[in-house]
PDB file of all heavy atoms in Angstrom:
ATOM      1  N   TYR A   1      23.047 132.348  74.964  1.00  0.00           N
ATOM      2  CA  TYR A   1      23.664 131.681  73.814  1.00  0.00           C
ATOM      3  C   TYR A   1      25.175 131.881  73.823  1.00  0.00           C
ATOM      4  O   TYR A   1      25.940 130.974  73.492  1.00  0.00           O
ATOM      5  CB  TYR A   1      23.069 132.229  72.515  1.00  0.00           C
ATOM      6  CG  TYR A   1      21.606 131.921  72.295  1.00  0.00           C
ATOM      7  CD1 TYR A   1      20.818 132.730  71.481  1.00  0.00           C
ATOM      8  CD2 TYR A   1      21.020 130.803  72.877  1.00  0.00           C
ATOM      9  CE1 TYR A   1      19.481 132.457  71.265  1.00  0.00           C
ATOM     10  CE2 TYR A   1      19.686 130.519  72.679  1.00  0.00           C
ATOM     11  CZ  TYR A   1      18.906 131.350  71.873  1.00  0.00           C
ATOM     12  OH  TYR A   1      17.574 131.066  71.667  1.00  0.00           O
ATOM     13  N   ARG A   2      25.609 133.094  74.213  1.00  0.00           N
ATOM     14  CA  ARG A   2      27.044 133.388  74.229  1.00  0.00           C
ATOM     15  C   ARG A   2      27.762 132.502  75.244  1.00  0.00           C
ATOM     16  O   ARG A   2      28.831 131.970  74.960  1.00  0.00           O
ATOM     17  CB  ARG A   2      27.268 134.870  74.536  1.00  0.00           C
ATOM     18  CG  ARG A   2      28.757 135.255  74.656  1.00  0.00           C
ATOM     19  CD  ARG A   2      28.962 136.742  74.795  1.00  0.00           C
ATOM     20  NE  ARG A   2      28.679 137.403  73.541  1.00  0.00           N
ATOM     21  CZ  ARG A   2      27.579 138.128  73.284  1.00  0.00           C
ATOM     22  NH1 ARG A   2      26.651 138.282  74.235  1.00  0.00           N
ATOM     23  NH2 ARG A   2      27.396 138.676  72.115  1.00  0.00           N
ATOM     24  N   ARG A   3      27.177 132.360  76.432  1.00  0.00           N
ATOM     25  CA  ARG A   3      27.793 131.503  77.443  1.00  0.00           C
ATOM     26  C   ARG A   3      27.830 130.046  76.986  1.00  0.00           C
ATOM     27  O   ARG A   3      28.803 129.326  77.235  1.00  0.00           O
ATOM     28  CB  ARG A   3      27.046 131.626  78.771  1.00  0.00           C
ATOM     29  CG  ARG A   3      27.234 132.980  79.462  1.00  0.00           C
ATOM     30  CD  ARG A   3      26.812 132.897  80.917  1.00  0.00           C
ATOM     31  NE  ARG A   3      25.400 132.606  81.058  1.00  0.00           N
ATOM     32  CZ  ARG A   3      24.447 133.531  81.152  1.00  0.00           C
ATOM     33  NH1 ARG A   3      24.771 134.829  81.121  1.00  0.00           N
ATOM     34  NH2 ARG A   3      23.180 133.186  81.288  1.00  0.00           N
ATOM     35  N   GLN A   4      26.769 129.624  76.311  1.00  0.00           N
ATOM     36  CA  GLN A   4      26.745 128.258  75.793  1.00  0.00           C
ATOM     37  C   GLN A   4      27.825 128.058  74.729  1.00  0.00           C
ATOM     38  O   GLN A   4      28.509 127.024  74.715  1.00  0.00           O
ATOM     39  CB  GLN A   4      25.359 127.939  75.217  1.00  0.00           C
ATOM     40  CG  GLN A   4      24.260 127.827  76.270  1.00  0.00           C
ATOM     41  CD  GLN A   4      22.890 127.621  75.650  1.00  0.00           C
ATOM     42  OE1 GLN A   4      22.706 127.801  74.452  1.00  0.00           O
ATOM     43  NE2 GLN A   4      21.924 127.242  76.482  1.00  0.00           N
ATOM     44  N   ALA A   5      27.983 129.032  73.841  1.00  0.00           N
ATOM     45  CA  ALA A   5      28.994 128.927  72.793  1.00  0.00           C
ATOM     46  C   ALA A   5      30.396 128.887  73.394  1.00  0.00           C
ATOM     47  O   ALA A   5      31.254 128.106  72.951  1.00  0.00           O
ATOM     48  CB  ALA A   5      28.865 130.110  71.823  1.00  0.00           C
ATOM     49  N   ARG A   6      30.632 129.698  74.423  1.00  0.00           N
ATOM     50  CA  ARG A   6      31.950 129.694  75.062  1.00  0.00           C
ATOM     51  C   ARG A   6      32.198 128.356  75.768  1.00  0.00           C
ATOM     52  O   ARG A   6      33.301 127.792  75.682  1.00  0.00           O
ATOM     53  CB  ARG A   6      32.053 130.838  76.073  1.00  0.00           C
ATOM     54  CG  ARG A   6      33.394 130.884  76.818  1.00  0.00           C
ATOM     55  CD  ARG A   6      33.426 132.021  77.819  1.00  0.00           C
ATOM     56  NE  ARG A   6      33.437 133.312  77.166  1.00  0.00           N
ATOM     57  CZ  ARG A   6      34.548 133.907  76.708  1.00  0.00           C
ATOM     58  NH1 ARG A   6      35.730 133.302  76.837  1.00  0.00           N
ATOM     59  NH2 ARG A   6      34.480 135.085  76.141  1.00  0.00           N
ATOM     60  N   ALA A   7      31.192 127.841  76.457  1.00  0.00           N
ATOM     61  CA  ALA A   7      31.347 126.574  77.168  1.00  0.00           C
ATOM     62  C   ALA A   7      31.611 125.433  76.193  1.00  0.00           C
ATOM     63  O   ALA A   7      32.449 124.546  76.451  1.00  0.00           O
ATOM     64  CB  ALA A   7      30.104 126.284  78.006  1.00  0.00           C
ATOM     65  N   THR A   8      30.907 125.435  75.066  1.00  0.00           N
ATOM     66  CA  THR A   8      31.116 124.398  74.056  1.00  0.00           C
ATOM     67  C   THR A   8      32.528 124.469  73.492  1.00  0.00           C
ATOM     68  O   THR A   8      33.205 123.446  73.340  1.00  0.00           O
ATOM     69  CB  THR A   8      30.089 124.540  72.924  1.00  0.00           C
ATOM     70  OG1 THR A   8      28.767 124.383  73.454  1.00  0.00           O
ATOM     71  CG2 THR A   8      30.329 123.496  71.847  1.00  0.00           C
ATOM     72  N   ALA A   9      32.989 125.688  73.177  1.00  0.00           N
ATOM     73  CA  ALA A   9      34.340 125.861  72.639  1.00  0.00           C
ATOM     74  C   ALA A   9      35.391 125.405  73.647  1.00  0.00           C
ATOM     75  O   ALA A   9      36.375 124.754  73.287  1.00  0.00           O
ATOM     76  CB  ALA A   9      34.563 127.315  72.244  1.00  0.00           C
ATOM     77  N   THR A  10      35.179 125.730  74.916  1.00  0.00           N
ATOM     78  CA  THR A  10      36.129 125.332  75.961  1.00  0.00           C
ATOM     79  C   THR A  10      36.182 123.819  76.101  1.00  0.00           C
ATOM     80  O   THR A  10      37.263 123.220  76.200  1.00  0.00           O
ATOM     81  CB  THR A  10      35.739 125.974  77.297  1.00  0.00           C
ATOM     82  OG1 THR A  10      35.732 127.406  77.156  1.00  0.00           O
ATOM     83  CG2 THR A  10      36.717 125.581  78.391  1.00  0.00           C
ATOM     84  N   HIS A  11      35.003 123.192  76.105  1.00  0.00           N
ATOM     85  CA  HIS A  11      34.949 121.733  76.201  1.00  0.00           C
ATOM     86  C   HIS A  11      35.657 121.091  75.008  1.00  0.00           C
ATOM     87  O   HIS A  11      36.470 120.164  75.170  1.00  0.00           O
ATOM     88  CB  HIS A  11      33.496 121.265  76.261  1.00  0.00           C
ATOM     89  CG  HIS A  11      33.336 119.779  76.138  1.00  0.00           C
ATOM     90  ND1 HIS A  11      33.545 118.915  77.189  1.00  0.00           N
ATOM     91  CD2 HIS A  11      33.004 119.017  75.065  1.00  0.00           C
ATOM     92  CE1 HIS A  11      33.337 117.667  76.779  1.00  0.00           C
ATOM     93  NE2 HIS A  11      33.015 117.709  75.502  1.00  0.00           N
ATOM     94  N   ASN A  12      35.357 121.572  73.817  1.00  0.00           N
ATOM     95  CA  ASN A  12      35.959 121.000  72.616  1.00  0.00           C
ATOM     96  C   ASN A  12      37.469 121.224  72.587  1.00  0.00           C
ATOM     97  O   ASN A  12      38.219 120.367  72.080  1.00  0.00           O
ATOM     98  CB  ASN A  12      35.326 121.616  71.370  1.00  0.00           C
ATOM     99  CG  ASN A  12      33.887 121.172  71.164  1.00  0.00           C
ATOM    100  OD1 ASN A  12      33.458 120.166  71.726  1.00  0.00           O
ATOM    101  ND2 ASN A  12      33.143 121.924  70.372  1.00  0.00           N
ATOM    102  N   LEU A  13      37.923 122.339  73.125  1.00  0.00           N
ATOM    103  CA  LEU A  13      39.352 122.637  73.150  1.00  0.00           C
ATOM    104  C   LEU A  13      40.105 121.626  74.010  1.00  0.00           C
ATOM    105  O   LEU A  13      41.147 121.091  73.609  1.00  0.00           O
ATOM    106  CB  LEU A  13      39.571 124.057  73.684  1.00  0.00           C
ATOM    107  CG  LEU A  13      40.938 124.690  73.434  1.00  0.00           C
ATOM    108  CD1 LEU A  13      41.209 124.810  71.949  1.00  0.00           C
ATOM    109  CD2 LEU A  13      41.010 126.062  74.090  1.00  0.00           C
ATOM    110  N   HIS A  14      39.566 121.334  75.186  1.00  0.00           N
ATOM    111  CA  HIS A  14      40.210 120.358  76.061  1.00  0.00           C
ATOM    112  C   HIS A  14      40.149 118.955  75.462  1.00  0.00           C
ATOM    113  O   HIS A  14      41.117 118.181  75.577  1.00  0.00           O
ATOM    114  CB  HIS A  14      39.559 120.379  77.438  1.00  0.00           C
ATOM    115  CG  HIS A  14      39.955 121.560  78.268  1.00  0.00           C
ATOM    116  ND1 HIS A  14      41.033 121.545  79.116  1.00  0.00           N
ATOM    117  CD2 HIS A  14      39.418 122.808  78.368  1.00  0.00           C
ATOM    118  CE1 HIS A  14      41.157 122.730  79.701  1.00  0.00           C
ATOM    119  NE2 HIS A  14      40.186 123.512  79.275  1.00  0.00           N
ATOM    120  N   ALA A  15      39.044 118.623  74.813  1.00  0.00           N
ATOM    121  CA  ALA A  15      38.931 117.306  74.182  1.00  0.00           C
ATOM    122  C   ALA A  15      39.929 117.163  73.038  1.00  0.00           C
ATOM    123  O   ALA A  15      40.553 116.111  72.863  1.00  0.00           O
ATOM    124  CB  ALA A  15      37.504 117.093  73.675  1.00  0.00           C
ATOM    125  N   LEU A  16      40.104 118.225  72.267  1.00  0.00           N
ATOM    126  CA  LEU A  16      41.052 118.206  71.152  1.00  0.00           C
ATOM    127  C   LEU A  16      42.481 118.044  71.662  1.00  0.00           C
ATOM    128  O   LEU A  16      43.261 117.253  71.123  1.00  0.00           O
ATOM    129  CB  LEU A  16      40.927 119.485  70.335  1.00  0.00           C
ATOM    130  CG  LEU A  16      41.919 119.656  69.187  1.00  0.00           C
ATOM    131  CD1 LEU A  16      41.717 118.583  68.124  1.00  0.00           C
ATOM    132  CD2 LEU A  16      41.784 121.055  68.569  1.00  0.00           C
ATOM    133  N   ALA A  17      42.821 118.799  72.699  1.00  0.00           N
ATOM    134  CA  ALA A  17      44.175 118.713  73.259  1.00  0.00           C
ATOM    135  C   ALA A  17      44.454 117.309  73.775  1.00  0.00           C
ATOM    136  O   ALA A  17      45.556 116.762  73.583  1.00  0.00           O
ATOM    137  CB  ALA A  17      44.336 119.739  74.373  1.00  0.00           C
ATOM    138  N   GLU A  18      43.466 116.696  74.420  1.00  0.00           N
ATOM    139  CA  GLU A  18      43.653 115.343  74.933  1.00  0.00           C
ATOM    140  C   GLU A  18      43.842 114.355  73.795  1.00  0.00           C
ATOM    141  O   GLU A  18      44.714 113.467  73.859  1.00  0.00           O
ATOM    142  CB  GLU A  18      42.447 114.938  75.784  1.00  0.00           C
ATOM    143  CG  GLU A  18      42.576 113.553  76.395  1.00  0.00           C
ATOM    144  CD  GLU A  18      41.384 113.197  77.272  1.00  0.00           C
ATOM    145  OE1 GLU A  18      40.477 114.037  77.418  1.00  0.00           O
ATOM    146  OE2 GLU A  18      41.364 112.061  77.791  1.00  0.00           O
ATOM    147  N   SER A  19      43.055 114.515  72.717  1.00  0.00           N
ATOM    148  CA  SER A  19      43.169 113.589  71.583  1.00  0.00           C
ATOM    149  C   SER A  19      44.492 113.756  70.861  1.00  0.00           C
ATOM    150  O   SER A  19      44.979 112.811  70.224  1.00  0.00           O
ATOM    151  CB  SER A  19      42.012 113.815  70.604  1.00  0.00           C
ATOM    152  OG  SER A  19      42.156 115.057  69.918  1.00  0.00           O
ATOM    153  N   ALA A  20      45.092 114.954  70.950  1.00  0.00           N
ATOM    154  CA  ALA A  20      46.386 115.204  70.316  1.00  0.00           C
ATOM    155  C   ALA A  20      47.550 114.794  71.202  1.00  0.00           C
ATOM    156  O   ALA A  20      48.709 114.927  70.801  1.00  0.00           O
ATOM    157  CB  ALA A  20      46.509 116.681  69.950  1.00  0.00           C
ATOM    158  N   GLY A  21      47.257 114.326  72.394  1.00  0.00           N
ATOM    159  CA  GLY A  21      48.309 113.842  73.271  1.00  0.00           C
ATOM    160  C   GLY A  21      48.983 114.905  74.112  1.00  0.00           C
ATOM    161  O   GLY A  21      50.065 114.670  74.659  1.00  0.00           O
ATOM    162  N   LEU A  22      48.360 116.090  74.243  1.00  0.00           N
ATOM    163  CA  LEU A  22      48.952 117.138  75.066  1.00  0.00           C
ATOM    164  C   LEU A  22      48.666 116.860  76.540  1.00  0.00           C
ATOM    165  O   LEU A  22      47.533 116.553  76.920  1.00  0.00           O
ATOM    166  CB  LEU A  22      48.378 118.507  74.698  1.00  0.00           C
ATOM    167  CG  LEU A  22      48.600 118.999  73.264  1.00  0.00           C
ATOM    168  CD1 LEU A  22      48.051 120.410  73.109  1.00  0.00           C
ATOM    169  CD2 LEU A  22      50.066 118.952  72.886  1.00  0.00           C
ATOM    170  N   VAL A  23      49.676 116.971  77.377  1.00  0.00           N
ATOM    171  CA  VAL A  23      49.470 116.820  78.815  1.00  0.00           C
ATOM    172  C   VAL A  23      48.935 118.134  79.371  1.00  0.00           C
ATOM    173  O   VAL A  23      49.245 119.212  78.843  1.00  0.00           O
ATOM    174  CB  VAL A  23      50.783 116.421  79.520  1.00  0.00           C
ATOM    175  CG1 VAL A  23      51.251 115.074  79.026  1.00  0.00           C
ATOM    176  CG2 VAL A  23      51.856 117.478  79.307  1.00  0.00           C
ATOM    177  N   PRO A  24      48.113 118.088  80.418  1.00  0.00           N
ATOM    178  CA  PRO A  24      47.493 119.324  80.939  1.00  0.00           C
ATOM    179  C   PRO A  24      48.497 120.407  81.288  1.00  0.00           C
ATOM    180  O   PRO A  24      48.217 121.604  81.095  1.00  0.00           O
ATOM    181  CB  PRO A  24      46.740 118.827  82.180  1.00  0.00           C
ATOM    182  CG  PRO A  24      46.430 117.395  81.887  1.00  0.00           C
ATOM    183  CD  PRO A  24      47.611 116.887  81.123  1.00  0.00           C
ATOM    184  N   SER A  25      49.666 120.044  81.790  1.00  0.00           N
ATOM    185  CA  SER A  25      50.653 121.050  82.169  1.00  0.00           C
ATOM    186  C   SER A  25      51.430 121.592  80.982  1.00  0.00           C
ATOM    187  O   SER A  25      52.215 122.532  81.132  1.00  0.00           O
ATOM    188  CB  SER A  25      51.642 120.443  83.175  1.00  0.00           C
ATOM    189  OG  SER A  25      52.334 119.332  82.590  1.00  0.00           O
ATOM    190  N   GLY A  26      51.200 121.034  79.794  1.00  0.00           N
ATOM    191  CA  GLY A  26      51.997 121.419  78.641  1.00  0.00           C
ATOM    192  C   GLY A  26      51.353 122.438  77.727  1.00  0.00           C
ATOM    193  O   GLY A  26      51.933 122.787  76.691  1.00  0.00           O
ATOM    194  N   TRP A  27      50.150 122.927  78.103  1.00  0.00           N
ATOM    195  CA  TRP A  27      49.504 123.906  77.232  1.00  0.00           C
ATOM    196  C   TRP A  27      48.547 124.765  78.034  1.00  0.00           C
ATOM    197  O   TRP A  27      48.150 124.444  79.145  1.00  0.00           O
ATOM    198  CB  TRP A  27      48.756 123.192  76.107  1.00  0.00           C
ATOM    199  CG  TRP A  27      47.559 122.412  76.577  1.00  0.00           C
ATOM    200  CD1 TRP A  27      47.555 121.223  77.242  1.00  0.00           C
ATOM    201  CD2 TRP A  27      46.176 122.781  76.427  1.00  0.00           C
ATOM    202  NE1 TRP A  27      46.271 120.820  77.516  1.00  0.00           N
ATOM    203  CE2 TRP A  27      45.407 121.748  77.025  1.00  0.00           C
ATOM    204  CE3 TRP A  27      45.519 123.855  75.850  1.00  0.00           C
ATOM    205  CZ2 TRP A  27      44.020 121.790  77.048  1.00  0.00           C
ATOM    206  CZ3 TRP A  27      44.132 123.898  75.863  1.00  0.00           C
ATOM    207  CH2 TRP A  27      43.397 122.870  76.463  1.00  0.00           C
ATOM    208  N   THR A  28      48.172 125.910  77.444  1.00  0.00           N
ATOM    209  CA  THR A  28      47.245 126.849  78.064  1.00  0.00           C
ATOM    210  C   THR A  28      46.093 127.122  77.104  1.00  0.00           C
ATOM    211  O   THR A  28      46.323 127.461  75.940  1.00  0.00           O
ATOM    212  CB  THR A  28      47.951 128.178  78.389  1.00  0.00           C
ATOM    213  OG1 THR A  28      49.049 127.922  79.269  1.00  0.00           O
ATOM    214  CG2 THR A  28      46.978 129.157  79.047  1.00  0.00           C
ATOM    215  N   PRO A  29      44.824 126.983  77.568  1.00  0.00           N
ATOM    216  CA  PRO A  29      43.691 127.269  76.685  1.00  0.00           C
ATOM    217  C   PRO A  29      43.458 128.767  76.548  1.00  0.00           C
ATOM    218  O   PRO A  29      43.726 129.552  77.467  1.00  0.00           O
ATOM    219  CB  PRO A  29      42.519 126.597  77.395  1.00  0.00           C
ATOM    220  CG  PRO A  29      42.908 126.617  78.847  1.00  0.00           C
ATOM    221  CD  PRO A  29      44.404 126.477  78.889  1.00  0.00           C
ATOM    222  N   CYS A  30      42.960 129.165  75.391  1.00  0.00           N
ATOM    223  CA  CYS A  30      42.624 130.569  75.140  1.00  0.00           C
ATOM    224  C   CYS A  30      41.355 130.589  74.298  1.00  0.00           C
ATOM    225  O   CYS A  30      41.396 130.318  73.093  1.00  0.00           O
ATOM    226  CB  CYS A  30      43.768 131.278  74.418  1.00  0.00           C
ATOM    227  SG  CYS A  30      43.456 133.022  74.040  1.00  0.00           S
ATOM    228  N   VAL A  31      40.223 130.878  74.911  1.00  0.00           N
ATOM    229  CA  VAL A  31      38.929 130.915  74.229  1.00  0.00           C
ATOM    230  C   VAL A  31      38.477 132.365  74.157  1.00  0.00           C
ATOM    231  O   VAL A  31      38.284 133.011  75.183  1.00  0.00           O
ATOM    232  CB  VAL A  31      37.885 130.057  74.965  1.00  0.00           C
ATOM    233  CG1 VAL A  31      36.537 130.128  74.249  1.00  0.00           C
ATOM    234  CG2 VAL A  31      38.359 128.605  75.068  1.00  0.00           C
ATOM    235  N   VAL A  32      38.342 132.876  72.935  1.00  0.00           N
ATOM    236  CA  VAL A  32      38.013 134.287  72.734  1.00  0.00           C
ATOM    237  C   VAL A  32      36.835 134.398  71.772  1.00  0.00           C
ATOM    238  O   VAL A  32      36.608 133.525  70.935  1.00  0.00           O
ATOM    239  CB  VAL A  32      39.213 135.076  72.191  1.00  0.00           C
ATOM    240  CG1 VAL A  32      40.324 135.163  73.230  1.00  0.00           C
ATOM    241  CG2 VAL A  32      39.745 134.449  70.902  1.00  0.00           C
ATOM    242  N   GLU A  33      36.123 135.485  71.893  1.00  0.00           N
ATOM    243  CA  GLU A  33      34.979 135.731  71.027  1.00  0.00           C
ATOM    244  C   GLU A  33      35.370 136.681  69.914  1.00  0.00           C
ATOM    245  O   GLU A  33      36.101 137.651  70.129  1.00  0.00           O
ATOM    246  CB  GLU A  33      33.812 136.329  71.820  1.00  0.00           C
ATOM    247  CG  GLU A  33      32.571 136.578  70.971  1.00  0.00           C
ATOM    248  CD  GLU A  33      31.407 137.150  71.785  1.00  0.00           C
ATOM    249  OE1 GLU A  33      31.640 137.482  72.970  1.00  0.00           O
ATOM    250  OE2 GLU A  33      30.301 137.272  71.233  1.00  0.00           O
ATOM    251  N   GLY A  34      34.890 136.407  68.708  1.00  0.00           N
ATOM    252  CA  GLY A  34      35.098 137.345  67.615  1.00  0.00           C
ATOM    253  C   GLY A  34      35.693 136.695  66.381  1.00  0.00           C
ATOM    254  O   GLY A  34      35.827 135.472  66.280  1.00  0.00           O
ATOM    255  N   ASP A  35      36.072 137.549  65.444  1.00  0.00           N
ATOM    256  CA  ASP A  35      36.641 137.106  64.182  1.00  0.00           C
ATOM    257  C   ASP A  35      38.001 136.455  64.415  1.00  0.00           C
ATOM    258  O   ASP A  35      38.883 137.029  65.051  1.00  0.00           O
ATOM    259  CB  ASP A  35      36.795 138.306  63.238  1.00  0.00           C
ATOM    260  CG  ASP A  35      37.422 137.921  61.920  1.00  0.00           C
ATOM    261  OD1 ASP A  35      36.698 137.411  61.052  1.00  0.00           O
ATOM    262  OD2 ASP A  35      38.642 138.128  61.763  1.00  0.00           O
ATOM    263  N   ALA A  36      38.186 135.243  63.872  1.00  0.00           N
ATOM    264  CA  ALA A  36      39.403 134.485  64.151  1.00  0.00           C
ATOM    265  C   ALA A  36      40.657 135.211  63.691  1.00  0.00           C
ATOM    266  O   ALA A  36      41.665 135.245  64.414  1.00  0.00           O
ATOM    267  CB  ALA A  36      39.315 133.112  63.486  1.00  0.00           C
ATOM    268  N   SER A  37      40.631 135.813  62.496  1.00  0.00           N
ATOM    269  CA  SER A  37      41.832 136.460  61.974  1.00  0.00           C
ATOM    270  C   SER A  37      42.279 137.607  62.856  1.00  0.00           C
ATOM    271  O   SER A  37      43.481 137.791  63.098  1.00  0.00           O
ATOM    272  CB  SER A  37      41.588 136.950  60.538  1.00  0.00           C
ATOM    273  OG  SER A  37      40.508 137.865  60.493  1.00  0.00           O
ATOM    274  N   LEU A  38      41.344 138.381  63.393  1.00  0.00           N
ATOM    275  CA  LEU A  38      41.692 139.488  64.279  1.00  0.00           C
ATOM    276  C   LEU A  38      42.181 138.984  65.628  1.00  0.00           C
ATOM    277  O   LEU A  38      43.175 139.487  66.173  1.00  0.00           O
ATOM    278  CB  LEU A  38      40.479 140.399  64.474  1.00  0.00           C
ATOM    279  CG  LEU A  38      39.928 141.093  63.229  1.00  0.00           C
ATOM    280  CD1 LEU A  38      38.665 141.882  63.577  1.00  0.00           C
ATOM    281  CD2 LEU A  38      40.968 142.009  62.605  1.00  0.00           C
TER     282      LEU A  38
END
């Protein structure tokens, strides 16, 4: 389940960046597990 959750978050992150008009060389993804505020 953890690997699935990470893969889903990674996929959604790239889709969001593309929809926002970010070019691949203009940003770096960071997918982390845990409480968002921390």
